[in-house]
Amino acid sequence: MAHKIIGLIGGLSWESSAEYYRLINERVRTRLGPLHSARCLMWSFDFAEIEALQHAGRWDDATGLMIEAAHRLRRGGAEIVLICSNTMHRMADTIQSALDVPLLHIADPTAERIRAAGLRSVGLLGTAFTMEQDFYRGRLAERYGLEVLTPDAVDRACVHRVIYDELVQGRIEPASRAAYQDIIAKLVTRGAEAIILGCTEIMLLVRPEDSAVLLYDTTAIHAEAAVEIALAT
């Protein structure tokens, strides 16, 4: 079965990009049989370059690099493109407008699952950019009618710090897991019926048992949705 070629914009960071590759191939193997794997391409950034642009607020420059990466994948034959990062969906609409193939937005399959479960109020964890800017929260609210709760300023700073100082560097610290457990519990107390792990590295730290409500792992959901599209006839 010749399924569609999946193009991955990775290196945002490579820690989560490696999980995308694993999850996509595992899903294809489950769907098609033990010797099958995904037809896929990856363009992987040097994340230090992207991180510097993020924290300098140079989003236009970052957008240009992301469009260039998408074009590289398209020239390689990609028939569907994924951004292996929640934060870098800040420029998803601009990238899609530059492509002639679908860009699968990471928030959409996650929100669809939440709606299908009958939930309306969700807590959102991610980088400060994802939690504080409207490109992600606004999409969840406007397209899917979800009430999106984010941690307070101190807890947002903690979540952000752990992502950049630990998770993207491959560090998994028990103290940080405990901090995330506490932050999740506060969101549940405020009415969150589920928690969106809105950074592709958080799944490396947080486990289902760390939350009293369901966790929606955007990395796994994004990867699974890509495979379903790629295998669709």
Protein backbone atom coordinates (compact mmCIF):
# COMPACT_ATOMS: atom_id res chain seq x y z
CA MET A 1 0.00 0.00 0.00
CA ALA A 2 1.60 3.28 -1.13
CA HIS A 3 0.45 5.75 1.48
CA LYS A 4 1.03 9.49 1.43
CA ILE A 5 4.47 10.84 2.34
CA ILE A 6 4.47 12.67 5.68
CA GLY A 7 6.77 15.70 5.93
CA LEU A 8 7.97 16.64 9.41
CA ILE A 9 9.40 20.04 10.36
CA GLY A 10 11.52 18.92 13.30
CA GLY A 11 14.37 19.94 15.52
CA LEU A 12 11.98 22.08 17.57
CA SER A 13 13.46 20.32 19.68
CA TRP A 14 14.90 17.02 18.41
CA GLU A 15 13.84 15.37 21.68
CA SER A 16 10.20 15.55 20.63
CA SER A 17 11.00 15.04 16.92
CA ALA A 18 12.41 11.62 17.80
CA GLU A 19 9.10 10.82 19.51
CA TYR A 20 7.18 11.86 16.41
CA TYR A 21 9.26 9.49 14.28
CA ARG A 22 8.72 6.63 16.73
CA LEU A 23 4.99 7.24 17.17
CA ILE A 24 4.27 7.60 13.45
CA ASN A 25 6.13 4.42 12.58
CA GLU A 26 4.53 2.47 15.43
CA ARG A 27 1.09 3.57 14.27
CA VAL A 28 1.80 2.54 10.65
CA ARG A 29 3.07 -0.84 11.85
CA THR A 30 -0.08 -1.34 13.93
CA ARG A 31 -2.31 -0.40 11.01
CA LEU A 32 -0.52 -2.22 8.17
CA GLY A 33 1.48 -5.03 9.72
CA PRO A 34 4.79 -5.77 11.48
CA LEU A 35 7.15 -5.04 8.58
CA HIS A 36 5.55 -1.75 7.55
CA SER A 37 6.87 1.71 8.36
CA ALA A 38 6.02 5.26 7.40
CA ARG A 39 6.96 6.98 4.17
CA CYS A 40 8.23 10.19 5.68
CA LEU A 41 10.73 13.02 5.44
CA MET A 42 12.09 15.27 8.17
CA TRP A 43 13.78 18.66 7.99
CA SER A 44 15.45 19.21 11.37
CA PHE A 45 16.47 22.67 12.60
CA ASP A 46 19.32 23.56 14.90
CA PHE A 47 16.98 24.50 17.74
CA ALA A 48 19.38 27.04 19.24
CA GLU A 49 18.77 29.22 16.19
CA ILE A 50 14.99 28.99 16.56
CA GLU A 51 15.05 29.49 20.34
CA ALA A 52 17.05 32.70 19.94
CA LEU A 53 14.48 34.07 17.48
CA GLN A 54 11.59 33.09 19.76
CA HIS A 55 12.94 34.85 22.82
CA ALA A 56 14.00 37.91 20.82
CA GLY A 57 10.46 38.20 19.45
CA ARG A 58 11.74 37.84 15.89
CA TRP A 59 8.74 35.87 14.71
CA ASP A 60 8.88 37.14 11.12
CA ASP A 61 12.40 35.76 10.75
CA ALA A 62 11.31 32.47 12.29
CA THR A 63 8.34 32.33 9.92
CA GLY A 64 10.64 32.69 6.93
CA LEU A 65 12.76 29.78 8.11
CA MET A 66 9.68 27.63 8.70
CA ILE A 67 8.32 28.34 5.23
CA GLU A 68 11.70 27.44 3.75
CA ALA A 69 11.64 24.16 5.70
CA ALA A 70 8.13 23.39 4.45
CA HIS A 71 9.23 24.03 0.88
CA ARG A 72 12.22 21.71 1.32
CA LEU A 73 9.86 18.95 2.41
CA ARG A 74 7.48 19.64 -0.44
CA ARG A 75 10.31 19.46 -2.98
CA GLY A 76 11.24 16.12 -1.44
CA GLY A 77 7.76 14.80 -2.13
CA ALA A 78 5.85 15.43 1.12
CA GLU A 79 2.08 15.20 0.64
CA ILE A 80 1.14 16.30 4.15
CA VAL A 81 3.22 18.53 6.44
CA LEU A 82 3.45 18.59 10.23
CA ILE A 83 5.14 21.13 12.48
CA CYS A 84 6.64 19.07 15.33
CA SER A 85 6.01 21.81 17.89
CA ASN A 86 3.03 23.55 19.43
CA THR A 87 4.73 26.94 19.78
CA MET A 88 5.73 27.13 16.13
CA HIS A 89 2.09 26.84 15.10
CA ARG A 90 2.10 30.57 15.75
CA MET A 91 2.83 30.88 12.02
CA ALA A 92 0.82 27.85 10.86
CA ASP A 93 -1.66 29.79 8.75
CA THR A 94 1.14 31.63 6.93
CA ILE A 95 2.95 28.37 6.24
CA GLN A 96 -0.24 26.75 4.98
CA SER A 97 -0.83 29.64 2.59
CA ALA A 98 2.65 29.00 1.12
CA LEU A 99 1.95 25.28 0.56
CA ASP A 100 -0.12 23.38 -1.99
CA VAL A 101 -0.57 20.39 0.34
CA PRO A 102 -2.28 20.21 3.75
CA LEU A 103 -0.58 21.36 6.93
CA LEU A 104 -2.11 19.37 9.79
CA HIS A 105 -2.55 21.81 12.68
CA ILE A 106 -1.63 20.21 16.00
CA ALA A 107 -4.52 21.80 17.91
CA ASP A 108 -7.26 20.47 15.65
CA PRO A 109 -7.16 16.68 16.26
CA THR A 110 -6.64 17.35 19.98
CA ALA A 111 -9.64 19.67 20.16
CA GLU A 112 -11.75 17.23 18.15
CA ARG A 113 -11.04 14.47 20.66
CA ILE A 114 -11.90 16.74 23.57
CA ARG A 115 -15.19 17.75 21.97
CA ALA A 116 -15.99 14.12 21.14
CA ALA A 117 -15.53 13.29 24.83
CA GLY A 118 -18.13 15.90 25.72
CA LEU A 119 -15.67 18.14 27.56
CA ARG A 120 -15.73 21.93 27.42
CA SER A 121 -13.22 23.28 29.95
CA VAL A 122 -9.54 22.43 29.52
CA GLY A 123 -6.27 23.39 31.16
CA LEU A 124 -3.40 24.26 28.85
CA LEU A 125 0.29 23.70 29.59
CA GLY A 126 2.98 24.79 27.15
CA THR A 127 5.62 27.41 26.56
CA ALA A 128 4.84 30.95 27.67
CA PHE A 129 4.21 31.76 24.00
CA THR A 130 1.57 29.04 23.70
CA MET A 131 -0.08 29.77 27.03
CA GLU A 132 -0.09 33.56 26.76
CA GLN A 133 -0.54 34.37 23.07
CA ASP A 134 -3.82 33.97 21.26
CA PHE A 135 -2.75 31.84 18.28
CA TYR A 136 -3.37 28.60 20.19
CA ARG A 137 -5.90 29.44 22.90
CA GLY A 138 -7.92 31.44 20.39
CA ARG A 139 -8.13 28.55 17.96
CA LEU A 140 -9.38 26.21 20.69
CA ALA A 141 -11.98 28.74 21.81
CA GLU A 142 -13.18 30.10 18.47
CA ARG A 143 -13.20 26.92 16.38
CA TYR A 144 -14.15 24.39 19.04
CA GLY A 145 -15.95 26.37 21.75
CA LEU A 146 -13.55 25.32 24.49
CA GLU A 147 -12.94 27.28 27.66
CA VAL A 148 -9.16 27.36 28.04
CA LEU A 149 -7.61 27.77 31.49
CA THR A 150 -3.93 28.57 31.90
CA PRO A 151 -1.80 28.65 35.07
CA ASP A 152 -1.14 31.90 36.91
CA ALA A 153 1.95 33.97 36.07
CA VAL A 154 4.27 32.25 38.54
CA ASP A 155 3.23 28.78 37.41
CA ARG A 156 3.44 29.73 33.73
CA ALA A 157 7.02 30.82 34.31
CA CYS A 158 7.75 27.47 35.97
CA VAL A 159 6.23 25.46 33.12
CA HIS A 160 8.17 27.49 30.55
CA ARG A 161 11.47 27.21 32.44
CA VAL A 162 11.22 23.44 32.75
CA ILE A 163 10.60 23.10 29.02
CA TYR A 164 13.61 25.16 27.92
CA ASP A 165 16.05 24.46 30.74
CA GLU A 166 15.34 20.76 31.10
CA LEU A 167 13.05 18.94 28.66
CA VAL A 168 14.51 20.19 25.37
CA GLN A 169 17.92 19.30 26.81
CA GLY A 170 16.84 15.75 27.59
CA ARG A 171 16.66 16.29 31.37
CA ILE A 172 13.78 14.68 33.29
CA GLU A 173 13.76 15.92 36.88
CA PRO A 174 11.53 14.45 39.64
CA ALA A 175 11.17 17.89 41.25
CA SER A 176 9.81 19.29 37.99
CA ARG A 177 7.34 16.43 37.68
CA ALA A 178 6.11 17.26 41.18
CA ALA A 179 5.80 20.94 40.24
CA TYR A 180 3.76 20.05 37.16
CA GLN A 181 1.54 17.77 39.26
CA ASP A 182 0.80 20.71 41.55
CA ILE A 183 0.09 23.05 38.64
CA ILE A 184 -2.24 20.51 37.03
CA ALA A 185 -4.08 20.06 40.34
CA LYS A 186 -4.65 23.83 40.56
CA LEU A 187 -6.13 23.87 37.06
CA VAL A 188 -8.45 21.00 37.96
CA THR A 189 -9.56 22.88 41.09
CA ARG A 190 -10.42 25.84 38.84
CA GLY A 191 -12.65 23.63 36.73
CA ALA A 192 -10.45 22.02 34.08
CA GLU A 193 -12.08 18.79 32.92
CA ALA A 194 -8.94 17.74 31.04
CA ILE A 195 -5.39 18.97 30.52
CA ILE A 196 -3.81 19.64 27.13
CA LEU A 197 -0.08 18.93 27.12
CA GLY A 198 0.46 21.78 24.68
CA CYS A 199 4.18 21.40 24.25
CA THR A 200 5.57 18.42 22.41
CA GLU A 201 8.20 17.77 25.11
CA ILE A 202 5.85 17.68 28.13
CA MET A 203 4.90 14.08 27.37
CA LEU A 204 8.48 13.19 28.29
CA LEU A 205 7.83 14.38 31.85
CA VAL A 206 4.13 14.05 32.69
CA ARG A 207 2.32 10.71 32.89
CA PRO A 208 -1.40 9.88 33.13
CA GLU A 209 -1.07 9.13 36.84
CA ASP A 210 0.16 12.69 37.42
CA SER A 211 -3.32 14.09 36.81
CA ALA A 212 -6.78 13.56 38.30
CA VAL A 213 -8.30 14.26 34.87
CA LEU A 214 -7.49 13.04 31.37
CA LEU A 215 -4.30 14.28 29.74
CA TYR A 216 -4.36 15.03 26.03
CA ASP A 217 -0.86 14.50 24.66
CA THR A 218 -0.66 16.68 21.55
CA THR A 219 2.44 14.88 20.26
CA ALA A 220 0.79 11.45 20.20
CA ILE A 221 -2.54 12.77 18.89
CA HIS A 222 -0.85 14.77 16.12
CA ALA A 223 1.23 11.79 15.03
CA GLU A 224 -1.76 9.46 15.01
CA ALA A 225 -3.88 11.90 13.02
CA ALA A 226 -1.11 12.27 10.43
CA VAL A 227 -1.01 8.52 9.92
CA GLU A 228 -4.77 8.33 9.50
CA ILE A 229 -4.61 10.99 6.78
CA ALA A 230 -1.60 9.36 5.12
CA LEU A 231 -3.31 5.95 4.98
CA ALA A 232 -6.69 7.24 3.85
CA THR A 233 -7.61 6.12 0.34
